[in-house]
């Protein structure tokens, strides 16, 4: 199962489980939010690591950069990176 499928499965599970949703949202206040988030996800049957989250964001960013004007040095400066954790938290907050 790819990380995107795991994140989607986790958000679907949280839709029906208010306690899980609250636990996941509470990770935003943790001293190590992504690690705590991954621990909860793994407990819920969606095993993932911090590197899975980081790599997913970096891979998406790299794909965008490569697809713009041939990529490489010709691509415009993109001053953002896809932060999967933050995107997940925004989606979860909107449930």
Protein backbone atom coordinates (compact mmCIF):
# COMPACT_ATOMS: atom_id res chain seq x y z
CA UNK A 1 0.00 0.00 0.00
CA UNK A 2 1.41 3.39 -0.99
CA UNK A 3 1.66 6.22 1.53
CA UNK A 4 -1.12 8.16 -0.23
CA UNK A 5 -3.44 5.16 0.14
CA UNK A 6 -2.51 4.82 3.81
CA UNK A 7 -3.21 8.51 4.47
CA UNK A 8 -6.53 8.25 2.65
CA UNK A 9 -7.46 5.15 4.64
CA UNK A 10 -6.53 6.87 7.88
CA UNK A 11 -8.65 9.92 7.13
CA UNK A 12 -11.58 7.67 6.23
CA UNK A 13 -11.19 5.84 9.53
CA UNK A 14 -11.00 9.13 11.43
CA UNK A 15 -14.26 10.29 9.81
CA UNK A 16 -16.11 7.62 11.75
CA UNK A 17 -14.04 7.74 14.93
CA UNK A 18 -14.11 11.04 16.82
CA UNK A 19 -11.56 9.84 19.39
CA UNK A 20 -9.09 8.95 16.63
CA UNK A 21 -9.67 12.29 14.94
CA UNK A 22 -8.98 14.10 18.22
CA UNK A 23 -5.80 12.06 18.84
CA UNK A 24 -4.49 12.82 15.37
CA UNK A 25 -5.29 16.53 15.66
CA UNK A 26 -3.61 16.64 19.07
CA UNK A 27 -0.30 15.65 17.45
CA UNK A 28 -0.03 19.25 16.24
CA UNK A 29 0.84 20.20 19.84
CA UNK A 30 3.46 17.49 20.26
CA UNK A 31 7.18 18.17 20.48
CA UNK A 32 7.57 15.69 17.61
CA UNK A 33 4.24 15.86 15.76
CA UNK A 34 5.03 13.78 12.66
CA UNK A 35 6.57 10.93 14.67
CA UNK A 36 3.59 10.83 17.02
CA UNK A 37 1.23 10.97 14.03
CA UNK A 38 3.04 8.00 12.45
CA UNK A 39 2.83 6.03 15.71
CA UNK A 40 -0.95 6.53 15.85
CA UNK A 41 -1.34 5.68 12.16
CA UNK A 42 0.65 2.48 12.65
CA UNK A 43 -1.48 1.52 15.68
CA UNK A 44 -4.55 1.94 13.47
CA UNK A 45 -3.27 -0.44 10.79
CA UNK A 46 -1.65 2.10 8.49
CA UNK A 47 2.07 1.60 9.12
CA UNK A 48 4.17 4.58 8.14
CA UNK A 49 7.33 6.33 9.19
CA UNK A 50 8.42 9.93 9.34
CA UNK A 51 10.53 9.31 6.24
CA UNK A 52 7.45 8.05 4.38
CA UNK A 53 5.73 11.38 5.06
CA UNK A 54 8.80 13.45 4.17
CA UNK A 55 9.55 11.49 1.01
CA UNK A 56 5.99 11.76 -0.24
CA UNK A 57 6.13 15.55 -0.01
CA UNK A 58 9.54 15.75 -1.63
CA UNK A 59 8.61 13.38 -4.47
CA UNK A 60 5.50 15.39 -5.28
CA UNK A 61 7.50 18.62 -5.25
CA UNK A 62 10.15 17.07 -7.52
CA UNK A 63 7.48 15.91 -9.97
CA UNK A 64 6.06 19.42 -10.20
CA UNK A 65 9.51 20.91 -10.66
CA UNK A 66 10.40 18.40 -13.41
CA UNK A 67 7.14 18.98 -15.23
CA UNK A 68 7.62 22.75 -15.46
CA UNK A 69 9.39 23.90 -18.61
CA UNK A 70 11.45 20.73 -18.81
CA UNK A 71 12.53 20.83 -15.19
CA UNK A 72 16.05 21.33 -13.96
CA UNK A 73 17.54 24.78 -14.10
CA UNK A 74 14.90 25.94 -16.59
CA UNK A 75 12.06 25.51 -14.16
CA UNK A 76 10.78 28.52 -12.27
CA UNK A 77 11.58 28.76 -8.60
CA UNK A 78 8.98 26.98 -6.58
CA UNK A 79 9.14 28.28 -3.05
CA UNK A 80 7.06 25.62 -1.40
CA UNK A 81 7.19 21.96 -0.66
CA UNK A 82 4.28 19.61 -0.34
CA UNK A 83 3.95 18.96 3.38
CA UNK A 84 1.82 15.81 3.62
CA UNK A 85 1.37 16.12 7.38
CA UNK A 86 0.05 19.69 7.18
CA UNK A 87 -2.23 18.84 4.28
CA UNK A 88 -3.59 15.86 6.20
CA UNK A 89 -4.22 18.04 9.26
CA UNK A 90 -6.08 20.63 7.18
CA UNK A 91 -8.27 17.91 5.65
CA UNK A 92 -8.88 16.33 9.05
CA UNK A 93 -9.82 19.68 10.61
CA UNK A 94 -12.42 20.20 7.89
CA UNK A 95 -14.24 16.93 8.65
